[in-house]
Amino acid sequence: NKAGLKLTSTIKREEFNLGKGMSPI
């Protein structure tokens, strides 16, 4: 068998120290 699927989510980037304090993003 072959399965096709889609998963979506939203992360809060600053919770992961991704560009913390960079307000244009």
PDBML (XML) file of the C-alpha atoms, coordinates in Angstrom:
<?xml version="1.0" encoding="UTF-8" ?>
<PDBx:datablock datablockName="MODEL"
   xmlns:PDBx="http://pdbml.pdb.org/schema/pdbx-v50.xsd"
   xmlns:xsi="http://www.w3.org/2001/XMLSchema-instance"
   xsi:schemaLocation="http://pdbml.pdb.org/schema/pdbx-v50.xsd pdbx-v50.xsd">
   <PDBx:atom_siteCategory>
      <PDBx:atom_site id="1">
         <PDBx:B_iso_or_equiv>0.00</PDBx:B_iso_or_equiv>
         <PDBx:Cartn_x>0.000</PDBx:Cartn_x>
         <PDBx:Cartn_y>0.000</PDBx:Cartn_y>
         <PDBx:Cartn_z>0.000</PDBx:Cartn_z>
         <PDBx:auth_asym_id>A</PDBx:auth_asym_id>
         <PDBx:auth_atom_id>CA</PDBx:auth_atom_id>
         <PDBx:auth_comp_id>ASN</PDBx:auth_comp_id>
         <PDBx:auth_seq_id>1</PDBx:auth_seq_id>
         <PDBx:group_PDB>ATOM</PDBx:group_PDB>
         <PDBx:label_alt_id xsi:nil="true" />
         <PDBx:label_asym_id>A</PDBx:label_asym_id>
         <PDBx:label_atom_id>CA</PDBx:label_atom_id>
         <PDBx:label_comp_id>ASN</PDBx:label_comp_id>
         <PDBx:label_entity_id>1</PDBx:label_entity_id>
         <PDBx:label_seq_id>1</PDBx:label_seq_id>
         <PDBx:occupancy>1.00</PDBx:occupancy>
         <PDBx:pdbx_PDB_model_num>1</PDBx:pdbx_PDB_model_num>
         <PDBx:type_symbol>C</PDBx:type_symbol>
      </PDBx:atom_site>
      <PDBx:atom_site id="2">
         <PDBx:B_iso_or_equiv>0.00</PDBx:B_iso_or_equiv>
         <PDBx:Cartn_x>0.861</PDBx:Cartn_x>
         <PDBx:Cartn_y>3.657</PDBx:Cartn_y>
         <PDBx:Cartn_z>-0.527</PDBx:Cartn_z>
         <PDBx:auth_asym_id>A</PDBx:auth_asym_id>
         <PDBx:auth_atom_id>CA</PDBx:auth_atom_id>
         <PDBx:auth_comp_id>LYS</PDBx:auth_comp_id>
         <PDBx:auth_seq_id>2</PDBx:auth_seq_id>
         <PDBx:group_PDB>ATOM</PDBx:group_PDB>
         <PDBx:label_alt_id xsi:nil="true" />
         <PDBx:label_asym_id>A</PDBx:label_asym_id>
         <PDBx:label_atom_id>CA</PDBx:label_atom_id>
         <PDBx:label_comp_id>LYS</PDBx:label_comp_id>
         <PDBx:label_entity_id>1</PDBx:label_entity_id>
         <PDBx:label_seq_id>2</PDBx:label_seq_id>
         <PDBx:occupancy>1.00</PDBx:occupancy>
         <PDBx:pdbx_PDB_model_num>1</PDBx:pdbx_PDB_model_num>
         <PDBx:type_symbol>C</PDBx:type_symbol>
      </PDBx:atom_site>
      <PDBx:atom_site id="3">
         <PDBx:B_iso_or_equiv>0.00</PDBx:B_iso_or_equiv>
         <PDBx:Cartn_x>-0.763</PDBx:Cartn_x>
         <PDBx:Cartn_y>6.363</PDBx:Cartn_y>
         <PDBx:Cartn_z>1.648</PDBx:Cartn_z>
         <PDBx:auth_asym_id>A</PDBx:auth_asym_id>
         <PDBx:auth_atom_id>CA</PDBx:auth_atom_id>
         <PDBx:auth_comp_id>ALA</PDBx:auth_comp_id>
         <PDBx:auth_seq_id>3</PDBx:auth_seq_id>
         <PDBx:group_PDB>ATOM</PDBx:group_PDB>
         <PDBx:label_alt_id xsi:nil="true" />
         <PDBx:label_asym_id>A</PDBx:label_asym_id>
         <PDBx:label_atom_id>CA</PDBx:label_atom_id>
         <PDBx:label_comp_id>ALA</PDBx:label_comp_id>
         <PDBx:label_entity_id>1</PDBx:label_entity_id>
         <PDBx:label_seq_id>3</PDBx:label_seq_id>
         <PDBx:occupancy>1.00</PDBx:occupancy>
         <PDBx:pdbx_PDB_model_num>1</PDBx:pdbx_PDB_model_num>
         <PDBx:type_symbol>C</PDBx:type_symbol>
      </PDBx:atom_site>
      <PDBx:atom_site id="4">
         <PDBx:B_iso_or_equiv>0.00</PDBx:B_iso_or_equiv>
         <PDBx:Cartn_x>-0.982</PDBx:Cartn_x>
         <PDBx:Cartn_y>10.069</PDBx:Cartn_y>
         <PDBx:Cartn_z>0.872</PDBx:Cartn_z>
         <PDBx:auth_asym_id>A</PDBx:auth_asym_id>
         <PDBx:auth_atom_id>CA</PDBx:auth_atom_id>
         <PDBx:auth_comp_id>GLY</PDBx:auth_comp_id>
         <PDBx:auth_seq_id>4</PDBx:auth_seq_id>
         <PDBx:group_PDB>ATOM</PDBx:group_PDB>
         <PDBx:label_alt_id xsi:nil="true" />
         <PDBx:label_asym_id>A</PDBx:label_asym_id>
         <PDBx:label_atom_id>CA</PDBx:label_atom_id>
         <PDBx:label_comp_id>GLY</PDBx:label_comp_id>
         <PDBx:label_entity_id>1</PDBx:label_entity_id>
         <PDBx:label_seq_id>4</PDBx:label_seq_id>
         <PDBx:occupancy>1.00</PDBx:occupancy>
         <PDBx:pdbx_PDB_model_num>1</PDBx:pdbx_PDB_model_num>
         <PDBx:type_symbol>C</PDBx:type_symbol>
      </PDBx:atom_site>
      <PDBx:atom_site id="5">
         <PDBx:B_iso_or_equiv>0.00</PDBx:B_iso_or_equiv>
         <PDBx:Cartn_x>-1.534</PDBx:Cartn_x>
         <PDBx:Cartn_y>12.618</PDBx:Cartn_y>
         <PDBx:Cartn_z>3.617</PDBx:Cartn_z>
         <PDBx:auth_asym_id>A</PDBx:auth_asym_id>
         <PDBx:auth_atom_id>CA</PDBx:auth_atom_id>
         <PDBx:auth_comp_id>LEU</PDBx:auth_comp_id>
         <PDBx:auth_seq_id>5</PDBx:auth_seq_id>
         <PDBx:group_PDB>ATOM</PDBx:group_PDB>
         <PDBx:label_alt_id xsi:nil="true" />
         <PDBx:label_asym_id>A</PDBx:label_asym_id>
         <PDBx:label_atom_id>CA</PDBx:label_atom_id>
         <PDBx:label_comp_id>LEU</PDBx:label_comp_id>
         <PDBx:label_entity_id>1</PDBx:label_entity_id>
         <PDBx:label_seq_id>5</PDBx:label_seq_id>
         <PDBx:occupancy>1.00</PDBx:occupancy>
         <PDBx:pdbx_PDB_model_num>1</PDBx:pdbx_PDB_model_num>
         <PDBx:type_symbol>C</PDBx:type_symbol>
      </PDBx:atom_site>
      <PDBx:atom_site id="6">
         <PDBx:B_iso_or_equiv>0.00</PDBx:B_iso_or_equiv>
         <PDBx:Cartn_x>-1.120</PDBx:Cartn_x>
         <PDBx:Cartn_y>16.214</PDBx:Cartn_y>
         <PDBx:Cartn_z>4.664</PDBx:Cartn_z>
         <PDBx:auth_asym_id>A</PDBx:auth_asym_id>
         <PDBx:auth_atom_id>CA</PDBx:auth_atom_id>
         <PDBx:auth_comp_id>LYS</PDBx:auth_comp_id>
         <PDBx:auth_seq_id>6</PDBx:auth_seq_id>
         <PDBx:group_PDB>ATOM</PDBx:group_PDB>
         <PDBx:label_alt_id xsi:nil="true" />
         <PDBx:label_asym_id>A</PDBx:label_asym_id>
         <PDBx:label_atom_id>CA</PDBx:label_atom_id>
         <PDBx:label_comp_id>LYS</PDBx:label_comp_id>
         <PDBx:label_entity_id>1</PDBx:label_entity_id>
         <PDBx:label_seq_id>6</PDBx:label_seq_id>
         <PDBx:occupancy>1.00</PDBx:occupancy>
         <PDBx:pdbx_PDB_model_num>1</PDBx:pdbx_PDB_model_num>
         <PDBx:type_symbol>C</PDBx:type_symbol>
      </PDBx:atom_site>
      <PDBx:atom_site id="7">
         <PDBx:B_iso_or_equiv>0.00</PDBx:B_iso_or_equiv>
         <PDBx:Cartn_x>-0.202</PDBx:Cartn_x>
         <PDBx:Cartn_y>17.514</PDBx:Cartn_y>
         <PDBx:Cartn_z>8.135</PDBx:Cartn_z>
         <PDBx:auth_asym_id>A</PDBx:auth_asym_id>
         <PDBx:auth_atom_id>CA</PDBx:auth_atom_id>
         <PDBx:auth_comp_id>LEU</PDBx:auth_comp_id>
         <PDBx:auth_seq_id>7</PDBx:auth_seq_id>
         <PDBx:group_PDB>ATOM</PDBx:group_PDB>
         <PDBx:label_alt_id xsi:nil="true" />
         <PDBx:label_asym_id>A</PDBx:label_asym_id>
         <PDBx:label_atom_id>CA</PDBx:label_atom_id>
         <PDBx:label_comp_id>LEU</PDBx:label_comp_id>
         <PDBx:label_entity_id>1</PDBx:label_entity_id>
         <PDBx:label_seq_id>7</PDBx:label_seq_id>
         <PDBx:occupancy>1.00</PDBx:occupancy>
         <PDBx:pdbx_PDB_model_num>1</PDBx:pdbx_PDB_model_num>
         <PDBx:type_symbol>C</PDBx:type_symbol>
      </PDBx:atom_site>
      <PDBx:atom_site id="8">
         <PDBx:B_iso_or_equiv>0.00</PDBx:B_iso_or_equiv>
         <PDBx:Cartn_x>-0.245</PDBx:Cartn_x>
         <PDBx:Cartn_y>21.153</PDBx:Cartn_y>
         <PDBx:Cartn_z>9.249</PDBx:Cartn_z>
         <PDBx:auth_asym_id>A</PDBx:auth_asym_id>
         <PDBx:auth_atom_id>CA</PDBx:auth_atom_id>
         <PDBx:auth_comp_id>THR</PDBx:auth_comp_id>
         <PDBx:auth_seq_id>8</PDBx:auth_seq_id>
         <PDBx:group_PDB>ATOM</PDBx:group_PDB>
         <PDBx:label_alt_id xsi:nil="true" />
         <PDBx:label_asym_id>A</PDBx:label_asym_id>
         <PDBx:label_atom_id>CA</PDBx:label_atom_id>
         <PDBx:label_comp_id>THR</PDBx:label_comp_id>
         <PDBx:label_entity_id>1</PDBx:label_entity_id>
         <PDBx:label_seq_id>8</PDBx:label_seq_id>
         <PDBx:occupancy>1.00</PDBx:occupancy>
         <PDBx:pdbx_PDB_model_num>1</PDBx:pdbx_PDB_model_num>
         <PDBx:type_symbol>C</PDBx:type_symbol>
      </PDBx:atom_site>
      <PDBx:atom_site id="9">
         <PDBx:B_iso_or_equiv>0.00</PDBx:B_iso_or_equiv>
         <PDBx:Cartn_x>0.636</PDBx:Cartn_x>
         <PDBx:Cartn_y>23.003</PDBx:Cartn_y>
         <PDBx:Cartn_z>12.426</PDBx:Cartn_z>
         <PDBx:auth_asym_id>A</PDBx:auth_asym_id>
         <PDBx:auth_atom_id>CA</PDBx:auth_atom_id>
         <PDBx:auth_comp_id>SER</PDBx:auth_comp_id>
         <PDBx:auth_seq_id>9</PDBx:auth_seq_id>
         <PDBx:group_PDB>ATOM</PDBx:group_PDB>
         <PDBx:label_alt_id xsi:nil="true" />
         <PDBx:label_asym_id>A</PDBx:label_asym_id>
         <PDBx:label_atom_id>CA</PDBx:label_atom_id>
         <PDBx:label_comp_id>SER</PDBx:label_comp_id>
         <PDBx:label_entity_id>1</PDBx:label_entity_id>
         <PDBx:label_seq_id>9</PDBx:label_seq_id>
         <PDBx:occupancy>1.00</PDBx:occupancy>
         <PDBx:pdbx_PDB_model_num>1</PDBx:pdbx_PDB_model_num>
         <PDBx:type_symbol>C</PDBx:type_symbol>
      </PDBx:atom_site>
      <PDBx:atom_site id="10">
         <PDBx:B_iso_or_equiv>0.00</PDBx:B_iso_or_equiv>
         <PDBx:Cartn_x>1.717</PDBx:Cartn_x>
         <PDBx:Cartn_y>26.424</PDBx:Cartn_y>
         <PDBx:Cartn_z>13.631</PDBx:Cartn_z>
         <PDBx:auth_asym_id>A</PDBx:auth_asym_id>
         <PDBx:auth_atom_id>CA</PDBx:auth_atom_id>
         <PDBx:auth_comp_id>THR</PDBx:auth_comp_id>
         <PDBx:auth_seq_id>10</PDBx:auth_seq_id>
         <PDBx:group_PDB>ATOM</PDBx:group_PDB>
         <PDBx:label_alt_id xsi:nil="true" />
         <PDBx:label_asym_id>A</PDBx:label_asym_id>
         <PDBx:label_atom_id>CA</PDBx:label_atom_id>
         <PDBx:label_comp_id>THR</PDBx:label_comp_id>
         <PDBx:label_entity_id>1</PDBx:label_entity_id>
         <PDBx:label_seq_id>10</PDBx:label_seq_id>
         <PDBx:occupancy>1.00</PDBx:occupancy>
         <PDBx:pdbx_PDB_model_num>1</PDBx:pdbx_PDB_model_num>
         <PDBx:type_symbol>C</PDBx:type_symbol>
      </PDBx:atom_site>
      <PDBx:atom_site id="11">
         <PDBx:B_iso_or_equiv>0.00</PDBx:B_iso_or_equiv>
         <PDBx:Cartn_x>4.725</PDBx:Cartn_x>
         <PDBx:Cartn_y>27.007</PDBx:Cartn_y>
         <PDBx:Cartn_z>15.829</PDBx:Cartn_z>
         <PDBx:auth_asym_id>A</PDBx:auth_asym_id>
         <PDBx:auth_atom_id>CA</PDBx:auth_atom_id>
         <PDBx:auth_comp_id>ILE</PDBx:auth_comp_id>
         <PDBx:auth_seq_id>11</PDBx:auth_seq_id>
         <PDBx:group_PDB>ATOM</PDBx:group_PDB>
         <PDBx:label_alt_id xsi:nil="true" />
         <PDBx:label_asym_id>A</PDBx:label_asym_id>
         <PDBx:label_atom_id>CA</PDBx:label_atom_id>
         <PDBx:label_comp_id>ILE</PDBx:label_comp_id>
         <PDBx:label_entity_id>1</PDBx:label_entity_id>
         <PDBx:label_seq_id>11</PDBx:label_seq_id>
         <PDBx:occupancy>1.00</PDBx:occupancy>
         <PDBx:pdbx_PDB_model_num>1</PDBx:pdbx_PDB_model_num>
         <PDBx:type_symbol>C</PDBx:type_symbol>
      </PDBx:atom_site>
      <PDBx:atom_site id="12">
         <PDBx:B_iso_or_equiv>0.00</PDBx:B_iso_or_equiv>
         <PDBx:Cartn_x>5.638</PDBx:Cartn_x>
         <PDBx:Cartn_y>30.088</PDBx:Cartn_y>
         <PDBx:Cartn_z>17.830</PDBx:Cartn_z>
         <PDBx:auth_asym_id>A</PDBx:auth_asym_id>
         <PDBx:auth_atom_id>CA</PDBx:auth_atom_id>
         <PDBx:auth_comp_id>LYS</PDBx:auth_comp_id>
         <PDBx:auth_seq_id>12</PDBx:auth_seq_id>
         <PDBx:group_PDB>ATOM</PDBx:group_PDB>
         <PDBx:label_alt_id xsi:nil="true" />
         <PDBx:label_asym_id>A</PDBx:label_asym_id>
         <PDBx:label_atom_id>CA</PDBx:label_atom_id>
         <PDBx:label_comp_id>LYS</PDBx:label_comp_id>
         <PDBx:label_entity_id>1</PDBx:label_entity_id>
         <PDBx:label_seq_id>12</PDBx:label_seq_id>
         <PDBx:occupancy>1.00</PDBx:occupancy>
         <PDBx:pdbx_PDB_model_num>1</PDBx:pdbx_PDB_model_num>
         <PDBx:type_symbol>C</PDBx:type_symbol>
      </PDBx:atom_site>
      <PDBx:atom_site id="13">
         <PDBx:B_iso_or_equiv>0.00</PDBx:B_iso_or_equiv>
         <PDBx:Cartn_x>9.146</PDBx:Cartn_x>
         <PDBx:Cartn_y>30.727</PDBx:Cartn_y>
         <PDBx:Cartn_z>16.495</PDBx:Cartn_z>
         <PDBx:auth_asym_id>A</PDBx:auth_asym_id>
         <PDBx:auth_atom_id>CA</PDBx:auth_atom_id>
         <PDBx:auth_comp_id>ARG</PDBx:auth_comp_id>
         <PDBx:auth_seq_id>13</PDBx:auth_seq_id>
         <PDBx:group_PDB>ATOM</PDBx:group_PDB>
         <PDBx:label_alt_id xsi:nil="true" />
         <PDBx:label_asym_id>A</PDBx:label_asym_id>
         <PDBx:label_atom_id>CA</PDBx:label_atom_id>
         <PDBx:label_comp_id>ARG</PDBx:label_comp_id>
         <PDBx:label_entity_id>1</PDBx:label_entity_id>
         <PDBx:label_seq_id>13</PDBx:label_seq_id>
         <PDBx:occupancy>1.00</PDBx:occupancy>
         <PDBx:pdbx_PDB_model_num>1</PDBx:pdbx_PDB_model_num>
         <PDBx:type_symbol>C</PDBx:type_symbol>
      </PDBx:atom_site>
      <PDBx:atom_site id="14">
         <PDBx:B_iso_or_equiv>0.00</PDBx:B_iso_or_equiv>
         <PDBx:Cartn_x>10.360</PDBx:Cartn_x>
         <PDBx:Cartn_y>32.715</PDBx:Cartn_y>
         <PDBx:Cartn_z>19.516</PDBx:Cartn_z>
         <PDBx:auth_asym_id>A</PDBx:auth_asym_id>
         <PDBx:auth_atom_id>CA</PDBx:auth_atom_id>
         <PDBx:auth_comp_id>GLU</PDBx:auth_comp_id>
         <PDBx:auth_seq_id>14</PDBx:auth_seq_id>
         <PDBx:group_PDB>ATOM</PDBx:group_PDB>
         <PDBx:label_alt_id xsi:nil="true" />
         <PDBx:label_asym_id>A</PDBx:label_asym_id>
         <PDBx:label_atom_id>CA</PDBx:label_atom_id>
         <PDBx:label_comp_id>GLU</PDBx:label_comp_id>
         <PDBx:label_entity_id>1</PDBx:label_entity_id>
         <PDBx:label_seq_id>14</PDBx:label_seq_id>
         <PDBx:occupancy>1.00</PDBx:occupancy>
         <PDBx:pdbx_PDB_model_num>1</PDBx:pdbx_PDB_model_num>
         <PDBx:type_symbol>C</PDBx:type_symbol>
      </PDBx:atom_site>
      <PDBx:atom_site id="15">
         <PDBx:B_iso_or_equiv>0.00</PDBx:B_iso_or_equiv>
         <PDBx:Cartn_x>9.618</PDBx:Cartn_x>
         <PDBx:Cartn_y>29.735</PDBx:Cartn_y>
         <PDBx:Cartn_z>21.805</PDBx:Cartn_z>
         <PDBx:auth_asym_id>A</PDBx:auth_asym_id>
         <PDBx:auth_atom_id>CA</PDBx:auth_atom_id>
         <PDBx:auth_comp_id>GLU</PDBx:auth_comp_id>
         <PDBx:auth_seq_id>15</PDBx:auth_seq_id>
         <PDBx:group_PDB>ATOM</PDBx:group_PDB>
         <PDBx:label_alt_id xsi:nil="true" />
         <PDBx:label_asym_id>A</PDBx:label_asym_id>
         <PDBx:label_atom_id>CA</PDBx:label_atom_id>
         <PDBx:label_comp_id>GLU</PDBx:label_comp_id>
         <PDBx:label_entity_id>1</PDBx:label_entity_id>
         <PDBx:label_seq_id>15</PDBx:label_seq_id>
         <PDBx:occupancy>1.00</PDBx:occupancy>
         <PDBx:pdbx_PDB_model_num>1</PDBx:pdbx_PDB_model_num>
         <PDBx:type_symbol>C</PDBx:type_symbol>
      </PDBx:atom_site>
      <PDBx:atom_site id="16">
         <PDBx:B_iso_or_equiv>0.00</PDBx:B_iso_or_equiv>
         <PDBx:Cartn_x>12.438</PDBx:Cartn_x>
         <PDBx:Cartn_y>27.970</PDBx:Cartn_y>
         <PDBx:Cartn_z>19.931</PDBx:Cartn_z>
         <PDBx:auth_asym_id>A</PDBx:auth_asym_id>
         <PDBx:auth_atom_id>CA</PDBx:auth_atom_id>
         <PDBx:auth_comp_id>PHE</PDBx:auth_comp_id>
         <PDBx:auth_seq_id>16</PDBx:auth_seq_id>
         <PDBx:group_PDB>ATOM</PDBx:group_PDB>
         <PDBx:label_alt_id xsi:nil="true" />
         <PDBx:label_asym_id>A</PDBx:label_asym_id>
         <PDBx:label_atom_id>CA</PDBx:label_atom_id>
         <PDBx:label_comp_id>PHE</PDBx:label_comp_id>
         <PDBx:label_entity_id>1</PDBx:label_entity_id>
         <PDBx:label_seq_id>16</PDBx:label_seq_id>
         <PDBx:occupancy>1.00</PDBx:occupancy>
         <PDBx:pdbx_PDB_model_num>1</PDBx:pdbx_PDB_model_num>
         <PDBx:type_symbol>C</PDBx:type_symbol>
      </PDBx:atom_site>
      <PDBx:atom_site id="17">
         <PDBx:B_iso_or_equiv>0.00</PDBx:B_iso_or_equiv>
         <PDBx:Cartn_x>14.796</PDBx:Cartn_x>
         <PDBx:Cartn_y>30.994</PDBx:Cartn_y>
         <PDBx:Cartn_z>19.936</PDBx:Cartn_z>
         <PDBx:auth_asym_id>A</PDBx:auth_asym_id>
         <PDBx:auth_atom_id>CA</PDBx:auth_atom_id>
         <PDBx:auth_comp_id>ASN</PDBx:auth_comp_id>
         <PDBx:auth_seq_id>17</PDBx:auth_seq_id>
         <PDBx:group_PDB>ATOM</PDBx:group_PDB>
         <PDBx:label_alt_id xsi:nil="true" />
         <PDBx:label_asym_id>A</PDBx:label_asym_id>
         <PDBx:label_atom_id>CA</PDBx:label_atom_id>
         <PDBx:label_comp_id>ASN</PDBx:label_comp_id>
         <PDBx:label_entity_id>1</PDBx:label_entity_id>
         <PDBx:label_seq_id>17</PDBx:label_seq_id>
         <PDBx:occupancy>1.00</PDBx:occupancy>
         <PDBx:pdbx_PDB_model_num>1</PDBx:pdbx_PDB_model_num>
         <PDBx:type_symbol>C</PDBx:type_symbol>
      </PDBx:atom_site>
      <PDBx:atom_site id="18">
         <PDBx:B_iso_or_equiv>0.00</PDBx:B_iso_or_equiv>
         <PDBx:Cartn_x>14.322</PDBx:Cartn_x>
         <PDBx:Cartn_y>31.422</PDBx:Cartn_y>
         <PDBx:Cartn_z>16.188</PDBx:Cartn_z>
         <PDBx:auth_asym_id>A</PDBx:auth_asym_id>
         <PDBx:auth_atom_id>CA</PDBx:auth_atom_id>
         <PDBx:auth_comp_id>LEU</PDBx:auth_comp_id>
         <PDBx:auth_seq_id>18</PDBx:auth_seq_id>
         <PDBx:group_PDB>ATOM</PDBx:group_PDB>
         <PDBx:label_alt_id xsi:nil="true" />
         <PDBx:label_asym_id>A</PDBx:label_asym_id>
         <PDBx:label_atom_id>CA</PDBx:label_atom_id>
         <PDBx:label_comp_id>LEU</PDBx:label_comp_id>
         <PDBx:label_entity_id>1</PDBx:label_entity_id>
         <PDBx:label_seq_id>18</PDBx:label_seq_id>
         <PDBx:occupancy>1.00</PDBx:occupancy>
         <PDBx:pdbx_PDB_model_num>1</PDBx:pdbx_PDB_model_num>
         <PDBx:type_symbol>C</PDBx:type_symbol>
      </PDBx:atom_site>
      <PDBx:atom_site id="19">
         <PDBx:B_iso_or_equiv>0.00</PDBx:B_iso_or_equiv>
         <PDBx:Cartn_x>15.004</PDBx:Cartn_x>
         <PDBx:Cartn_y>35.075</PDBx:Cartn_y>
         <PDBx:Cartn_z>15.399</PDBx:Cartn_z>
         <PDBx:auth_asym_id>A</PDBx:auth_asym_id>
         <PDBx:auth_atom_id>CA</PDBx:auth_atom_id>
         <PDBx:auth_comp_id>GLY</PDBx:auth_comp_id>
         <PDBx:auth_seq_id>19</PDBx:auth_seq_id>
         <PDBx:group_PDB>ATOM</PDBx:group_PDB>
         <PDBx:label_alt_id xsi:nil="true" />
         <PDBx:label_asym_id>A</PDBx:label_asym_id>
         <PDBx:label_atom_id>CA</PDBx:label_atom_id>
         <PDBx:label_comp_id>GLY</PDBx:label_comp_id>
         <PDBx:label_entity_id>1</PDBx:label_entity_id>
         <PDBx:label_seq_id>19</PDBx:label_seq_id>
         <PDBx:occupancy>1.00</PDBx:occupancy>
         <PDBx:pdbx_PDB_model_num>1</PDBx:pdbx_PDB_model_num>
         <PDBx:type_symbol>C</PDBx:type_symbol>
      </PDBx:atom_site>
      <PDBx:atom_site id="20">
         <PDBx:B_iso_or_equiv>0.00</PDBx:B_iso_or_equiv>
         <PDBx:Cartn_x>14.055</PDBx:Cartn_x>
         <PDBx:Cartn_y>36.153</PDBx:Cartn_y>
         <PDBx:Cartn_z>18.904</PDBx:Cartn_z>
         <PDBx:auth_asym_id>A</PDBx:auth_asym_id>
         <PDBx:auth_atom_id>CA</PDBx:auth_atom_id>
         <PDBx:auth_comp_id>LYS</PDBx:auth_comp_id>
         <PDBx:auth_seq_id>20</PDBx:auth_seq_id>
         <PDBx:group_PDB>ATOM</PDBx:group_PDB>
         <PDBx:label_alt_id xsi:nil="true" />
         <PDBx:label_asym_id>A</PDBx:label_asym_id>
         <PDBx:label_atom_id>CA</PDBx:label_atom_id>
         <PDBx:label_comp_id>LYS</PDBx:label_comp_id>
         <PDBx:label_entity_id>1</PDBx:label_entity_id>
         <PDBx:label_seq_id>20</PDBx:label_seq_id>
         <PDBx:occupancy>1.00</PDBx:occupancy>
         <PDBx:pdbx_PDB_model_num>1</PDBx:pdbx_PDB_model_num>
         <PDBx:type_symbol>C</PDBx:type_symbol>
      </PDBx:atom_site>
      <PDBx:atom_site id="21">
         <PDBx:B_iso_or_equiv>0.00</PDBx:B_iso_or_equiv>
         <PDBx:Cartn_x>13.249</PDBx:Cartn_x>
         <PDBx:Cartn_y>39.868</PDBx:Cartn_y>
         <PDBx:Cartn_z>19.019</PDBx:Cartn_z>
         <PDBx:auth_asym_id>A</PDBx:auth_asym_id>
         <PDBx:auth_atom_id>CA</PDBx:auth_atom_id>
         <PDBx:auth_comp_id>GLY</PDBx:auth_comp_id>
         <PDBx:auth_seq_id>21</PDBx:auth_seq_id>
         <PDBx:group_PDB>ATOM</PDBx:group_PDB>
         <PDBx:label_alt_id xsi:nil="true" />
         <PDBx:label_asym_id>A</PDBx:label_asym_id>
         <PDBx:label_atom_id>CA</PDBx:label_atom_id>
         <PDBx:label_comp_id>GLY</PDBx:label_comp_id>
         <PDBx:label_entity_id>1</PDBx:label_entity_id>
         <PDBx:label_seq_id>21</PDBx:label_seq_id>
         <PDBx:occupancy>1.00</PDBx:occupancy>
         <PDBx:pdbx_PDB_model_num>1</PDBx:pdbx_PDB_model_num>
         <PDBx:type_symbol>C</PDBx:type_symbol>
      </PDBx:atom_site>
      <PDBx:atom_site id="22">
         <PDBx:B_iso_or_equiv>0.00</PDBx:B_iso_or_equiv>
         <PDBx:Cartn_x>13.265</PDBx:Cartn_x>
         <PDBx:Cartn_y>40.309</PDBx:Cartn_y>
         <PDBx:Cartn_z>15.232</PDBx:Cartn_z>
         <PDBx:auth_asym_id>A</PDBx:auth_asym_id>
         <PDBx:auth_atom_id>CA</PDBx:auth_atom_id>
         <PDBx:auth_comp_id>MET</PDBx:auth_comp_id>
         <PDBx:auth_seq_id>22</PDBx:auth_seq_id>
         <PDBx:group_PDB>ATOM</PDBx:group_PDB>
         <PDBx:label_alt_id xsi:nil="true" />
         <PDBx:label_asym_id>A</PDBx:label_asym_id>
         <PDBx:label_atom_id>CA</PDBx:label_atom_id>
         <PDBx:label_comp_id>MET</PDBx:label_comp_id>
         <PDBx:label_entity_id>1</PDBx:label_entity_id>
         <PDBx:label_seq_id>22</PDBx:label_seq_id>
         <PDBx:occupancy>1.00</PDBx:occupancy>
         <PDBx:pdbx_PDB_model_num>1</PDBx:pdbx_PDB_model_num>
         <PDBx:type_symbol>C</PDBx:type_symbol>
      </PDBx:atom_site>
      <PDBx:atom_site id="23">
         <PDBx:B_iso_or_equiv>0.00</PDBx:B_iso_or_equiv>
         <PDBx:Cartn_x>10.029</PDBx:Cartn_x>
         <PDBx:Cartn_y>42.252</PDBx:Cartn_y>
         <PDBx:Cartn_z>14.866</PDBx:Cartn_z>
         <PDBx:auth_asym_id>A</PDBx:auth_asym_id>
         <PDBx:auth_atom_id>CA</PDBx:auth_atom_id>
         <PDBx:auth_comp_id>SER</PDBx:auth_comp_id>
         <PDBx:auth_seq_id>23</PDBx:auth_seq_id>
         <PDBx:group_PDB>ATOM</PDBx:group_PDB>
         <PDBx:label_alt_id xsi:nil="true" />
         <PDBx:label_asym_id>A</PDBx:label_asym_id>
         <PDBx:label_atom_id>CA</PDBx:label_atom_id>
         <PDBx:label_comp_id>SER</PDBx:label_comp_id>
         <PDBx:label_entity_id>1</PDBx:label_entity_id>
         <PDBx:label_seq_id>23</PDBx:label_seq_id>
         <PDBx:occupancy>1.00</PDBx:occupancy>
         <PDBx:pdbx_PDB_model_num>1</PDBx:pdbx_PDB_model_num>
         <PDBx:type_symbol>C</PDBx:type_symbol>
      </PDBx:atom_site>
      <PDBx:atom_site id="24">
         <PDBx:B_iso_or_equiv>0.00</PDBx:B_iso_or_equiv>
         <PDBx:Cartn_x>9.693</PDBx:Cartn_x>
         <PDBx:Cartn_y>42.308</PDBx:Cartn_y>
         <PDBx:Cartn_z>11.050</PDBx:Cartn_z>
         <PDBx:auth_asym_id>A</PDBx:auth_asym_id>
         <PDBx:auth_atom_id>CA</PDBx:auth_atom_id>
         <PDBx:auth_comp_id>PRO</PDBx:auth_comp_id>
         <PDBx:auth_seq_id>24</PDBx:auth_seq_id>
         <PDBx:group_PDB>ATOM</PDBx:group_PDB>
         <PDBx:label_alt_id xsi:nil="true" />
         <PDBx:label_asym_id>A</PDBx:label_asym_id>
         <PDBx:label_atom_id>CA</PDBx:label_atom_id>
         <PDBx:label_comp_id>PRO</PDBx:label_comp_id>
         <PDBx:label_entity_id>1</PDBx:label_entity_id>
         <PDBx:label_seq_id>24</PDBx:label_seq_id>
         <PDBx:occupancy>1.00</PDBx:occupancy>
         <PDBx:pdbx_PDB_model_num>1</PDBx:pdbx_PDB_model_num>
         <PDBx:type_symbol>C</PDBx:type_symbol>
      </PDBx:atom_site>
      <PDBx:atom_site id="25">
         <PDBx:B_iso_or_equiv>0.00</PDBx:B_iso_or_equiv>
         <PDBx:Cartn_x>9.206</PDBx:Cartn_x>
         <PDBx:Cartn_y>38.539</PDBx:Cartn_y>
         <PDBx:Cartn_z>11.143</PDBx:Cartn_z>
         <PDBx:auth_asym_id>A</PDBx:auth_asym_id>
         <PDBx:auth_atom_id>CA</PDBx:auth_atom_id>
         <PDBx:auth_comp_id>ILE</PDBx:auth_comp_id>
         <PDBx:auth_seq_id>25</PDBx:auth_seq_id>
         <PDBx:group_PDB>ATOM</PDBx:group_PDB>
         <PDBx:label_alt_id xsi:nil="true" />
         <PDBx:label_asym_id>A</PDBx:label_asym_id>
         <PDBx:label_atom_id>CA</PDBx:label_atom_id>
         <PDBx:label_comp_id>ILE</PDBx:label_comp_id>
         <PDBx:label_entity_id>1</PDBx:label_entity_id>
         <PDBx:label_seq_id>25</PDBx:label_seq_id>
         <PDBx:occupancy>1.00</PDBx:occupancy>
         <PDBx:pdbx_PDB_model_num>1</PDBx:pdbx_PDB_model_num>
         <PDBx:type_symbol>C</PDBx:type_symbol>
      </PDBx:atom_site>
   </PDBx:atom_siteCategory>
</PDBx:datablock>
